[in-house]
N, C-alpha and C. Protein backbone atom coordinates (compact mmCIF):
# COMPACT_ATOMS: atom_id res chain seq x y z
N SER A 1 -5.94 66.36 2.46
CA SER A 1 -6.65 66.18 3.54
C SER A 1 -7.40 65.20 3.76
N SER A 2 -8.33 64.98 4.98
CA SER A 2 -8.90 63.45 5.07
C SER A 2 -10.53 64.08 4.53
N ASP A 3 -10.94 65.20 3.95
CA ASP A 3 -12.04 65.12 3.55
C ASP A 3 -11.82 64.81 2.02
N GLN A 4 -10.88 64.06 1.60
CA GLN A 4 -10.92 63.96 0.02
C GLN A 4 -10.80 64.82 -0.81
N THR A 5 -10.00 66.01 -0.18
CA THR A 5 -10.11 67.28 -1.33
C THR A 5 -8.80 67.68 -1.32
N VAL A 6 -8.21 68.39 -2.39
CA VAL A 6 -6.79 69.03 -2.47
C VAL A 6 -6.98 70.62 -2.23
N ARG A 7 -6.52 71.36 -1.69
CA ARG A 7 -6.78 72.55 -1.73
C ARG A 7 -5.67 73.82 -1.94
N LEU A 8 -5.76 74.46 -2.88
CA LEU A 8 -4.33 75.32 -3.15
C LEU A 8 -5.03 76.62 -2.83
N TRP A 9 -3.53 77.01 -1.93
CA TRP A 9 -3.89 78.44 -0.87
C TRP A 9 -3.19 79.20 -1.64
N GLU A 10 -3.41 80.81 -1.52
CA GLU A 10 -2.79 81.79 -1.94
C GLU A 10 -1.60 81.95 -0.43
N ARG A 11 -0.45 82.11 -0.94
CA ARG A 11 0.82 81.73 0.10
C ARG A 11 0.41 83.26 1.08
N ASP A 12 0.40 84.33 0.09
CA ASP A 12 0.54 85.48 1.27
C ASP A 12 -0.82 86.06 1.63
N SER A 13 -1.76 85.72 1.39
CA SER A 13 -2.88 86.06 1.93
C SER A 13 -3.51 85.15 2.65
N GLY A 14 -3.01 83.74 2.42
CA GLY A 14 -3.60 82.49 3.20
C GLY A 14 -5.16 82.34 2.55
N GLN A 15 -5.57 82.68 1.57
CA GLN A 15 -6.75 82.33 1.23
C GLN A 15 -6.87 81.20 0.30
N CYS A 16 -7.86 80.40 0.56
CA CYS A 16 -7.96 78.87 -0.27
C CYS A 16 -8.40 79.78 -1.76
N LEU A 17 -7.98 79.73 -2.49
CA LEU A 17 -8.35 79.86 -4.09
C LEU A 17 -9.08 78.78 -4.56
N HIS A 18 -8.74 77.09 -4.64
CA HIS A 18 -9.68 76.47 -5.26
C HIS A 18 -9.42 74.94 -4.49
N THR A 19 -10.43 74.32 -4.39
CA THR A 19 -10.60 73.22 -3.80
C THR A 19 -10.86 72.03 -5.00
N LEU A 20 -9.93 71.02 -4.83
CA LEU A 20 -9.90 69.95 -6.07
C LEU A 20 -10.58 68.88 -5.22
N GLN A 21 -11.71 68.14 -6.17
CA GLN A 21 -12.22 66.98 -5.60
C GLN A 21 -12.22 65.83 -6.62
N GLY A 22 -12.54 64.70 -6.15
CA GLY A 22 -12.31 63.31 -6.96
C GLY A 22 -11.90 62.42 -6.26
N HIS A 23 -10.91 62.29 -4.94
CA HIS A 23 -10.92 60.94 -4.30
C HIS A 23 -11.82 60.56 -3.46
N THR A 24 -11.73 59.26 -3.27
CA THR A 24 -12.61 58.78 -2.40
C THR A 24 -12.18 58.51 -1.25
N SER A 25 -10.92 58.89 -0.67
CA SER A 25 -10.27 58.65 0.59
C SER A 25 -9.18 59.51 1.04
N TRP A 26 -8.73 59.84 2.05
CA TRP A 26 -8.01 60.61 2.47
C TRP A 26 -6.78 61.10 1.23
N VAL A 27 -6.42 62.20 1.35
CA VAL A 27 -5.58 62.43 0.29
C VAL A 27 -4.25 62.60 1.20
N THR A 28 -3.15 61.69 0.64
CA THR A 28 -2.16 61.65 1.74
C THR A 28 -0.82 62.42 1.03
N SER A 29 -0.55 62.74 -0.37
CA SER A 29 0.61 63.60 -0.62
C SER A 29 0.07 64.25 -2.04
N VAL A 30 0.95 65.49 -2.11
CA VAL A 30 0.76 66.40 -3.34
C VAL A 30 2.06 66.77 -3.76
N CYS A 31 2.08 66.87 -4.89
CA CYS A 31 3.89 66.94 -5.76
C CYS A 31 3.33 67.76 -7.00
N PHE A 32 4.10 69.11 -6.89
CA PHE A 32 4.13 69.92 -8.37
C PHE A 32 5.01 69.24 -9.16
N SER A 33 4.69 69.28 -10.49
CA SER A 33 5.69 68.91 -11.62
C SER A 33 6.84 70.05 -12.01
N PRO A 34 8.02 69.82 -12.07
CA PRO A 34 9.08 70.82 -11.89
C PRO A 34 8.65 71.96 -12.74
N ASP A 35 8.07 71.69 -13.73
CA ASP A 35 7.49 72.90 -14.55
C ASP A 35 6.19 73.74 -13.99
N GLY A 36 5.73 73.41 -12.98
CA GLY A 36 4.46 73.91 -12.25
C GLY A 36 3.44 74.00 -12.89
N LYS A 37 3.00 73.17 -14.01
CA LYS A 37 2.22 73.01 -14.63
C LYS A 37 1.01 72.09 -14.28
N LEU A 38 1.50 71.04 -13.65
CA LEU A 38 0.90 69.63 -13.13
C LEU A 38 1.05 69.60 -11.42
N LEU A 39 0.04 69.19 -10.96
CA LEU A 39 -0.19 68.84 -9.56
C LEU A 39 -0.63 67.19 -9.43
N ALA A 40 0.25 66.63 -8.58
CA ALA A 40 -0.26 65.02 -8.47
C ALA A 40 -0.73 65.04 -7.15
N SER A 41 -1.80 64.20 -6.95
CA SER A 41 -2.25 64.16 -5.67
C SER A 41 -2.54 62.68 -5.46
N GLY A 42 -2.15 61.92 -4.41
CA GLY A 42 -2.07 60.81 -3.86
C GLY A 42 -3.19 60.40 -3.09
N SER A 43 -3.70 59.46 -2.45
CA SER A 43 -4.82 58.95 -1.70
C SER A 43 -4.67 57.70 -1.15
N ARG A 44 -4.99 57.30 -0.08
CA ARG A 44 -5.45 56.22 0.50
C ARG A 44 -6.42 55.27 -0.35
N ASP A 45 -7.15 55.74 -1.23
CA ASP A 45 -7.91 55.24 -2.27
C ASP A 45 -7.17 54.40 -3.27
N GLN A 46 -5.95 54.50 -3.38
CA GLN A 46 -5.05 53.76 -4.32
C GLN A 46 -4.97 54.21 -5.72
N THR A 47 -5.33 55.41 -5.81
CA THR A 47 -5.22 56.21 -6.97
C THR A 47 -4.27 57.56 -6.91
N VAL A 48 -3.84 58.03 -7.88
CA VAL A 48 -2.89 59.00 -7.72
C VAL A 48 -3.66 59.84 -9.12
N ARG A 49 -3.99 61.15 -9.35
CA ARG A 49 -5.01 61.83 -9.86
C ARG A 49 -3.41 63.00 -10.17
N LEU A 50 -3.55 63.59 -11.23
CA LEU A 50 -2.98 64.86 -12.15
C LEU A 50 -3.91 65.41 -12.28
N TRP A 51 -3.21 66.85 -11.94
CA TRP A 51 -4.21 67.99 -12.13
C TRP A 51 -3.65 68.93 -13.13
N ASN A 52 -4.60 69.56 -14.12
CA ASN A 52 -3.72 70.66 -14.72
C ASN A 52 -3.89 71.94 -13.92
N VAL A 53 -2.87 72.26 -13.58
CA VAL A 53 -3.07 74.21 -12.38
C VAL A 53 -3.39 75.20 -13.23
N GLU A 54 -2.68 75.28 -14.49
CA GLU A 54 -3.33 76.26 -15.26
C GLU A 54 -4.67 76.26 -15.42
N SER A 55 -5.22 75.38 -15.94
CA SER A 55 -7.22 75.28 -15.92
C SER A 55 -7.55 74.62 -15.02
N LEU A 56 -6.88 74.30 -13.97
CA LEU A 56 -7.50 73.91 -12.76
C LEU A 56 -8.76 72.40 -13.02
N SER A 57 -8.31 71.90 -13.90
CA SER A 57 -9.39 70.69 -14.26
C SER A 57 -8.70 69.12 -13.99
N ASN A 58 -9.21 68.57 -13.94
CA ASN A 58 -8.77 67.16 -13.81
C ASN A 58 -8.35 66.51 -15.26
N LEU A 59 -7.30 65.84 -15.42
CA LEU A 59 -6.89 65.98 -16.57
C LEU A 59 -7.47 64.57 -17.43
N SER A 60 -8.20 63.95 -16.55
CA SER A 60 -8.96 62.52 -16.87
C SER A 60 -10.35 62.97 -17.62
N THR A 61 -10.64 61.50 -18.40
CA THR A 61 -12.03 61.89 -19.01
C THR A 61 -12.89 61.47 -18.14
N SER A 62 -14.11 62.03 -18.04
CA SER A 62 -15.02 61.31 -17.27
C SER A 62 -15.05 61.77 -15.77
N GLY A 63 -14.09 62.14 -15.66
CA GLY A 63 -13.97 62.55 -13.75
C GLY A 63 -13.13 61.69 -13.04
N ALA A 64 -12.54 60.56 -14.16
CA ALA A 64 -11.92 59.13 -13.46
C ALA A 64 -10.65 59.87 -13.20
N PRO A 65 -9.93 58.83 -12.27
CA PRO A 65 -8.68 59.63 -12.06
C PRO A 65 -7.40 59.45 -12.91
N PHE A 66 -6.42 59.89 -13.08
CA PHE A 66 -5.67 60.42 -14.10
C PHE A 66 -4.95 58.69 -14.00
N PHE A 67 -4.56 58.03 -12.87
CA PHE A 67 -4.06 56.88 -12.74
C PHE A 67 -5.36 56.07 -12.66
N ALA A 68 -5.66 55.19 -12.78
CA ALA A 68 -6.67 54.41 -12.26
C ALA A 68 -6.18 53.40 -11.19
N THR A 69 -7.04 52.75 -10.36
CA THR A 69 -6.42 52.04 -9.33
C THR A 69 -5.07 51.33 -9.71
N LEU A 70 -3.79 51.49 -9.24
CA LEU A 70 -2.80 51.15 -9.66
C LEU A 70 -2.65 49.48 -9.63
N TYR A 71 -2.83 49.20 -8.21
CA TYR A 71 -2.96 47.57 -8.47
C TYR A 71 -3.64 47.28 -7.30
N SER A 72 -4.71 46.15 -7.45
CA SER A 72 -5.61 45.79 -6.28
C SER A 72 -5.10 45.25 -4.99
N ASP A 73 -3.67 44.77 -5.01
CA ASP A 73 -2.91 44.24 -3.72
C ASP A 73 -2.08 45.18 -3.58
N LEU A 74 -2.18 46.50 -3.96
CA LEU A 74 -1.22 47.46 -3.14
C LEU A 74 -2.17 48.52 -2.38
N PRO A 75 -1.52 48.84 -1.32
CA PRO A 75 -2.57 49.56 -0.48
C PRO A 75 -2.46 51.03 -0.65
N GLY A 76 -3.04 52.11 -0.17
CA GLY A 76 -3.04 53.61 -0.59
C GLY A 76 -1.85 54.35 -0.73
N VAL A 77 -1.56 55.22 -1.10
CA VAL A 77 -0.46 56.06 -1.67
C VAL A 77 -0.06 56.82 -0.51
N LEU A 78 1.28 56.70 -0.23
CA LEU A 78 2.07 57.33 1.11
C LEU A 78 2.36 58.92 0.64
N CYS A 79 3.06 58.73 -0.66
CA CYS A 79 4.12 60.06 -1.06
C CYS A 79 4.31 59.70 -2.47
N ILE A 80 4.25 60.86 -3.15
CA ILE A 80 4.69 60.81 -4.83
C ILE A 80 5.59 62.17 -5.16
N VAL A 81 6.13 61.60 -6.00
CA VAL A 81 7.31 62.76 -6.27
C VAL A 81 7.79 62.84 -7.48
N PHE A 82 7.74 63.93 -8.59
CA PHE A 82 7.96 63.77 -9.86
C PHE A 82 9.85 63.66 -9.97
N SER A 83 10.09 63.17 -11.08
CA SER A 83 11.56 62.93 -11.61
C SER A 83 11.78 64.68 -11.85
N PRO A 84 13.26 64.97 -11.76
CA PRO A 84 13.69 66.31 -12.29
C PRO A 84 13.26 66.62 -13.56
N ASP A 85 12.97 65.72 -14.42
CA ASP A 85 12.39 66.54 -15.80
C ASP A 85 11.06 66.42 -15.41
N GLY A 86 10.38 65.52 -14.74
CA GLY A 86 8.71 65.64 -14.91
C GLY A 86 8.19 64.44 -15.95
N ALA A 87 9.19 63.54 -16.05
CA ALA A 87 8.75 62.76 -17.18
C ALA A 87 8.34 61.35 -16.25
N SER A 88 8.58 61.43 -15.05
CA SER A 88 8.02 59.97 -14.31
C SER A 88 7.84 60.35 -13.08
N LEU A 89 6.86 59.52 -12.45
CA LEU A 89 6.15 59.96 -11.21
C LEU A 89 6.54 58.83 -10.25
N ALA A 90 6.90 59.02 -9.23
CA ALA A 90 7.49 57.95 -8.12
C ALA A 90 6.45 57.84 -6.78
N ILE A 91 5.55 56.69 -6.86
CA ILE A 91 4.62 56.61 -5.81
C ILE A 91 4.97 55.45 -4.91
N SER A 92 4.94 55.92 -3.37
CA SER A 92 5.22 55.06 -2.64
C SER A 92 3.96 54.49 -1.97
N HIS A 93 4.08 53.35 -1.50
CA HIS A 93 2.41 52.86 -1.17
C HIS A 93 2.93 52.26 0.38
N GLU A 94 1.62 51.87 1.13
CA GLU A 94 1.37 51.96 2.55
C GLU A 94 2.16 50.65 3.16
N ASN A 95 2.43 49.55 2.04
CA ASN A 95 2.98 48.55 2.21
C ASN A 95 4.37 48.36 1.92
N GLY A 96 5.28 49.53 1.69
CA GLY A 96 6.50 49.59 1.51
C GLY A 96 7.05 49.56 -0.04
N THR A 97 5.93 49.36 -0.67
CA THR A 97 6.12 49.18 -2.67
C THR A 97 6.14 50.55 -2.97
N ILE A 98 7.35 50.59 -4.18
CA ILE A 98 7.47 51.85 -5.00
C ILE A 98 7.22 51.60 -6.23
N THR A 99 6.32 52.39 -6.52
CA THR A 99 6.23 52.14 -8.33
C THR A 99 6.50 53.15 -9.26
N LEU A 100 7.26 53.26 -10.39
CA LEU A 100 7.55 54.53 -11.02
C LEU A 100 6.74 54.46 -12.24
N TRP A 101 6.01 55.51 -12.67
CA TRP A 101 5.06 55.76 -13.58
C TRP A 101 5.79 56.50 -14.88
N ASP A 102 5.53 56.15 -16.23
CA ASP A 102 5.73 57.20 -17.17
C ASP A 102 4.57 58.04 -17.23
N VAL A 103 4.81 59.48 -17.25
CA VAL A 103 3.69 60.18 -16.97
C VAL A 103 2.81 60.57 -18.40
N THR A 104 3.60 60.49 -19.38
CA THR A 104 3.12 60.50 -20.73
C THR A 104 2.36 59.21 -21.20
N THR A 105 2.79 58.15 -20.80
CA THR A 105 2.13 56.68 -21.51
C THR A 105 1.09 56.77 -19.90
N ARG A 106 1.16 56.84 -18.89
CA ARG A 106 0.27 56.57 -17.76
C ARG A 106 0.51 55.09 -17.69
N THR A 107 1.73 54.68 -17.69
CA THR A 107 1.79 53.36 -17.48
C THR A 107 3.36 53.15 -16.46
N CYS A 108 2.92 51.96 -15.73
CA CYS A 108 3.80 51.94 -14.57
C CYS A 108 5.07 51.07 -15.13
N VAL A 109 6.30 51.55 -15.15
CA VAL A 109 7.54 51.14 -15.66
C VAL A 109 8.28 50.07 -14.91
N GLN A 110 8.07 50.48 -13.57
CA GLN A 110 8.70 49.26 -12.50
C GLN A 110 8.20 49.24 -10.94
N THR A 111 8.50 48.46 -10.78
CA THR A 111 7.74 48.00 -9.25
C THR A 111 9.03 47.76 -8.39
N MET A 112 9.01 48.16 -7.24
CA MET A 112 9.96 47.90 -6.12
C MET A 112 9.53 47.52 -5.08
N ARG A 113 10.28 46.46 -4.57
CA ARG A 113 9.26 46.03 -3.31
C ARG A 113 10.66 45.83 -1.89
N SER A 114 10.36 46.41 -0.97
CA SER A 114 11.19 46.41 0.16
C SER A 114 11.30 45.40 0.76
N ASP A 115 12.18 44.32 1.62
CA ASP A 115 11.94 42.96 2.22
C ASP A 115 11.00 43.40 3.34
N GLY A 116 10.97 44.44 3.98
CA GLY A 116 10.74 44.71 4.97
C GLY A 116 11.36 44.98 6.42
N PRO A 117 11.67 45.96 7.14
CA PRO A 117 12.46 46.41 8.03
C PRO A 117 12.75 45.09 9.20
N TYR A 118 11.76 44.24 9.40
CA TYR A 118 11.65 43.23 10.48
C TYR A 118 11.45 41.94 9.73
N LYS A 119 12.22 41.84 8.52
CA LYS A 119 12.45 40.51 7.71
C LYS A 119 13.21 39.88 8.46
N GLY A 120 12.66 38.31 8.40
CA GLY A 120 13.16 37.27 9.77
C GLY A 120 13.02 37.22 10.89
N MET A 121 12.63 38.63 11.23
CA MET A 121 12.52 38.47 12.86
C MET A 121 11.68 37.60 13.08
N ASN A 122 12.07 36.86 14.22
CA ASN A 122 11.25 35.50 15.10
C ASN A 122 10.46 36.26 16.16
N ILE A 123 8.83 36.43 16.01
CA ILE A 123 8.36 36.79 16.91
C ILE A 123 7.52 35.74 17.62
N THR A 124 7.73 34.46 17.41
CA THR A 124 7.02 33.63 18.12
C THR A 124 7.52 33.60 19.46
N GLY A 125 6.25 33.70 20.18
CA GLY A 125 6.45 33.47 21.96
C GLY A 125 6.48 34.80 22.43
N ALA A 126 6.81 36.00 21.62
CA ALA A 126 6.79 37.30 22.32
C ALA A 126 5.85 37.86 22.92
N THR A 127 5.91 38.35 24.14
CA THR A 127 4.97 38.76 25.10
C THR A 127 4.56 40.46 24.86
N GLY A 128 3.31 40.45 25.46
CA GLY A 128 3.07 42.18 25.31
C GLY A 128 2.68 42.62 24.18
N LEU A 129 2.54 41.90 23.35
CA LEU A 129 1.96 42.59 22.00
C LEU A 129 0.53 42.05 21.31
N THR A 130 -0.16 43.04 21.00
CA THR A 130 -1.67 42.57 20.69
C THR A 130 -1.54 42.04 19.49
N ALA A 131 -2.79 41.51 18.76
CA ALA A 131 -2.73 40.58 17.57
C ALA A 131 -2.34 41.92 16.33
N ALA A 132 -2.89 42.65 16.57
CA ALA A 132 -2.84 43.84 15.72
C ALA A 132 -1.11 44.14 15.56
N GLN A 133 -0.52 44.36 16.41
CA GLN A 133 1.04 44.53 16.40
C GLN A 133 1.62 43.46 15.66
N LYS A 134 1.22 42.15 16.40
CA LYS A 134 1.65 41.13 15.68
C LYS A 134 1.77 40.93 14.20
N SER A 135 0.13 41.33 13.73
CA SER A 135 0.05 41.78 12.58
C SER A 135 0.87 42.59 11.44
N ALA A 136 0.71 43.70 11.78
CA ALA A 136 1.83 44.71 11.59
C ALA A 136 3.18 44.06 11.40
N LEU A 137 3.80 43.73 12.43
CA LEU A 137 5.20 43.27 12.40
C LEU A 137 5.16 42.27 11.36
N ARG A 138 4.23 41.12 11.22
CA ARG A 138 4.33 40.22 9.93
C ARG A 138 4.27 41.00 8.40
N THR A 139 3.60 41.95 8.40
CA THR A 139 3.36 42.92 7.44
C THR A 139 4.85 43.53 6.96
N LEU A 140 5.69 43.69 7.95
CA LEU A 140 6.87 44.17 7.94
C LEU A 140 7.92 43.14 7.82
N GLY A 141 7.49 41.88 7.68
CA GLY A 141 8.43 40.86 7.56
C GLY A 141 8.62 40.13 8.55
N ALA A 142 8.47 40.38 9.63
CA ALA A 142 8.54 39.42 10.68
C ALA A 142 7.85 38.04 10.91
N VAL A 143 8.18 37.13 11.15
CA VAL A 143 7.79 35.94 11.39
C VAL A 143 7.14 35.27 12.37
N GLU A 144 6.28 34.30 12.61
CA GLU A 144 5.70 33.68 13.79
C GLU A 144 5.47 32.31 13.23
N GLU A 145 6.74 31.56 13.83
CA GLU A 145 6.98 29.92 13.57
C GLU A 145 5.69 29.36 14.59
N ALA A 146 4.99 28.19 13.84
CA ALA A 146 4.33 27.55 14.79
C ALA A 146 4.78 26.28 15.64
């Protein structure tokens, strides 16, 4: 949620059972491991935290995220998903990058970057676009030739 928490709800009653705190920005994605024992939460704070659902405690030490800040050059987390065997966690970032993490070793094993949906699109002389819109298009691969 936007209040930096993850809430676990009882499905039938609609009652909030637990509120998990620790992120420093919006929580954008959550995903249960295939065995249901772990809950991963991703945030715009560039972290993914892994929670032990059975004990409802943060698995990290001293309240630090399960994964530290992934990379200072990668923007926040959009979506996370466990592999079917629960051994890996795929994380998509706001800039289109996807990182694949080994859950056991807590290491990034692969980084994949998209060229962007507008790669090579020339927006030189385009009218009706604000500076922010042009910046967003450049982030997605568009070019503006001088």
